[in-house]
Protein backbone atom coordinates (compact mmCIF):
# COMPACT_ATOMS: atom_id res chain seq x y z
CA MET A 1 18.10 1.25 -6.87
CA ASP A 2 20.02 1.72 -4.15
CA GLY A 3 20.75 4.99 -2.24
CA ARG A 4 24.53 5.37 -4.33
CA GLY A 5 23.06 4.76 -7.78
CA GLY A 6 23.46 1.49 -8.59
CA ILE A 7 21.09 -1.36 -8.49
CA GLY A 8 22.47 -3.37 -5.38
CA GLY A 9 19.61 -3.20 -3.33
CA ARG A 10 21.05 -1.83 -0.39
CA GLY A 11 19.74 -0.17 2.79
CA ALA A 12 17.82 -1.76 4.64
CA GLY A 13 20.09 -4.38 6.94
CA ARG A 14 22.98 -1.56 7.74
CA PRO A 15 24.13 -2.46 10.65
CA ARG A 16 22.69 -0.47 14.08
CA ASN A 17 26.66 -1.49 15.39
CA PRO A 18 29.23 0.53 13.61
CA TYR A 19 31.17 -2.42 14.56
CA GLU A 20 28.99 -4.99 13.16
CA LEU A 21 29.70 -6.86 9.86
CA THR A 22 26.81 -7.97 8.12
CA GLU A 23 26.42 -9.01 4.14
CA ASP A 24 25.96 -5.38 3.49
CA SER A 25 29.52 -4.52 5.18
CA PRO A 26 31.68 -3.14 2.34
CA VAL A 27 35.02 -5.03 3.39
CA TYR A 28 36.90 -6.13 0.18
CA VAL A 29 38.87 -4.24 -2.34
CA ILE A 30 39.04 -4.55 -5.39
CA SER A 31 41.78 -7.32 -5.61
CA VAL A 32 39.82 -9.23 -3.17
CA ALA A 33 36.02 -9.08 -4.32
CA ALA A 34 37.76 -9.92 -8.07
CA GLN A 35 39.20 -13.25 -6.60
CA LEU A 36 36.10 -14.26 -5.00
CA SER A 37 33.39 -13.67 -7.70
CA GLY A 38 36.03 -15.55 -10.15
CA LEU A 39 36.25 -11.95 -12.13
CA HIS A 40 38.67 -9.70 -13.39
CA PRO A 41 39.02 -6.45 -11.64
CA GLN A 42 39.17 -4.84 -15.06
CA THR A 43 35.04 -6.51 -15.48
CA LEU A 44 34.29 -5.42 -11.78
CA ARG A 45 34.99 -1.69 -12.91
CA GLN A 46 33.25 -2.32 -15.72
CA TYR A 47 30.01 -3.80 -14.23
CA ASP A 48 30.67 -0.75 -11.65
CA ARG A 49 30.46 2.18 -14.74
CA LEU A 50 27.55 0.32 -16.30
CA GLY A 51 25.68 0.55 -13.10
CA LEU A 52 25.08 -3.49 -12.53
CA VAL A 53 26.91 -3.64 -9.31
CA SER A 54 27.56 -0.39 -7.00
CA PRO A 55 30.46 -1.13 -4.53
CA ASP A 56 30.44 1.79 -1.83
CA ARG A 57 33.46 4.00 -1.96
CA THR A 58 36.26 4.94 0.62
CA ALA A 59 37.20 8.67 1.09
CA GLY A 60 39.80 8.31 -1.35
CA ARG A 61 36.72 6.88 -3.88
CA GLY A 62 38.65 3.45 -3.37
CA ARG A 63 35.48 0.63 -3.94
CA ARG A 64 34.87 -1.37 -1.08
CA TYR A 65 32.58 -4.81 -1.92
CA SER A 66 30.23 -5.93 0.46
CA ALA A 67 29.40 -9.92 0.10
CA ARG A 68 26.02 -8.97 -1.34
CA ASP A 69 27.56 -7.15 -3.91
CA ILE A 70 30.31 -10.54 -4.45
CA GLN A 71 26.86 -12.39 -4.95
CA LEU A 72 25.67 -10.44 -6.77
CA LEU A 73 28.25 -10.09 -9.76
CA ARG A 74 28.63 -14.50 -9.29
CA GLN A 75 24.96 -14.05 -10.51
CA VAL A 76 25.49 -11.33 -13.31
CA GLN A 77 28.27 -13.88 -14.34
CA GLN A 78 25.96 -16.73 -14.11
CA LEU A 79 23.17 -15.22 -16.55
CA SER A 80 26.22 -13.97 -18.93
CA GLN A 81 27.97 -17.22 -19.54
CA ASP A 82 25.41 -19.99 -18.56
CA GLU A 83 21.93 -18.00 -19.77
CA GLY A 84 23.61 -16.23 -22.61
CA ILE A 85 21.99 -13.14 -21.78
CA ASN A 86 23.70 -9.77 -22.44
CA LEU A 87 24.65 -6.45 -19.40
CA ALA A 88 21.50 -4.79 -20.74
CA GLY A 89 19.40 -8.01 -19.83
CA ILE A 90 20.95 -8.57 -16.92
CA LYS A 91 20.53 -5.55 -15.39
CA ARG A 92 17.05 -5.16 -16.42
CA ILE A 93 16.61 -8.25 -14.47
CA ILE A 94 18.06 -7.54 -11.59
CA GLU A 95 15.83 -4.39 -10.60
CA LEU A 96 13.03 -6.25 -11.32
CA GLU A 97 13.89 -8.46 -8.85
CA ASN A 98 15.13 -5.63 -6.24
CA GLN A 99 11.29 -4.19 -7.20
CA VAL A 100 9.66 -7.48 -5.99
CA ALA A 101 11.57 -7.89 -3.16
CA ALA A 102 10.37 -3.98 -2.36
CA LEU A 103 7.21 -5.05 -3.07
CA GLN A 104 7.20 -8.19 -1.00
CA ALA A 105 8.43 -5.72 1.98
CA ARG A 106 5.49 -3.66 1.38
CA VAL A 107 3.05 -6.26 1.64
CA ALA A 108 4.38 -7.54 4.79
CA GLU A 109 4.51 -4.66 6.16
CA LEU A 110 0.27 -3.57 5.29
CA GLN A 111 -0.49 -7.59 5.96
CA ALA A 112 1.04 -6.58 9.55
CA ALA A 113 -0.80 -3.06 9.65
CA VAL A 114 -4.11 -5.04 8.32
CA GLU A 115 -3.78 -7.32 11.38
CA GLY A 116 -2.85 -4.53 13.55
CA ALA A 117 -5.98 -2.55 12.81
CA ALA A 118 -8.10 -5.70 13.13
CA THR A 119 -6.85 -6.72 16.39
CA ALA A 120 -7.62 -2.86 17.82
CA MET A 121 -10.80 -3.42 16.22
CA GLN A 122 -11.62 -6.38 18.03
CA GLN A 123 -10.57 -4.90 21.12
CA ARG A 124 -12.93 -1.67 20.87
CA GLU A 125 -15.61 -3.87 20.24
CA ALA A 126 -14.63 -6.23 22.97
CA GLN A 127 -15.01 -2.47 25.50
CA VAL A 128 -18.28 -1.80 23.75
CA HIS A 129 -19.73 -4.95 24.60
CA ALA A 130 -18.45 -4.39 28.18
CA SER A 131 -19.83 -1.20 28.34
CA TYR A 132 -23.44 -2.57 27.65
CA ARG A 133 -25.69 -1.97 30.32
CA ARG A 134 -26.98 -5.50 32.07
CA ASP A 135 -31.00 -4.84 32.84
CA LEU A 136 -31.52 -4.04 28.98
CA VAL A 137 -34.16 -6.27 27.79
CA ARG A 138 -33.49 -8.33 24.64
CA TYR A 139 -36.04 -7.31 21.74
CA GLN A 140 -37.92 -9.78 20.14
CA ASP A 141 -39.77 -9.09 16.89
CA ILE A 142 -43.77 -9.60 17.93
CA GLN A 143 -45.75 -11.39 15.36
CA GLN A 144 -48.48 -8.45 13.91
CA SER A 145 -52.05 -9.63 14.60
CA SER A 146 -55.00 -8.30 13.33
CA ALA A 147 -56.47 -7.94 16.87
CA LEU A 148 -58.57 -5.04 17.95
CA VAL A 149 -57.17 -3.24 21.20
CA VAL A 150 -59.45 -0.73 23.16
CA TRP A 151 -57.64 2.05 25.17
CA ARG A 152 -59.79 3.35 28.04
CA PRO A 153 -58.30 5.93 29.99
CA LYS A 154 -59.17 5.61 33.81
CA ARG A 155 -61.50 7.21 35.31
CA PRO A 156 -60.78 9.29 38.03
CA GLU A 157 -62.57 8.46 41.05
């Protein structure tokens, strides 16, 4: 779900520059969005009420659709008309698709963290190896024998 109560999946792609347009920029009024999606404006209002596609709102509460919203409207229409899926099923499909996308992003984030930790570990291991004293002699395992060794202390002369 997005931060506005719908299931449009916004937020991650917000522009850093307020004048930069992205596919999440709310620029289309409802009449233009209806034309671009091939749906009636009343259908868009109904989808908004059902929470299928929730456009941004202006200060006067007017709807503003983004390119991502238009794409989602077309997907809803295709699932409804071509696949015969009811609106509750479409809402669940979209929710699951958003959940999968969020989980994929989390997996990528965790993979990057694991790779960073592995790199740090390798660097630390290299530092430890570089800090070894070079005058140390490698230990070699000596085979045990049954020989008897007698120790005799030196006598003071």
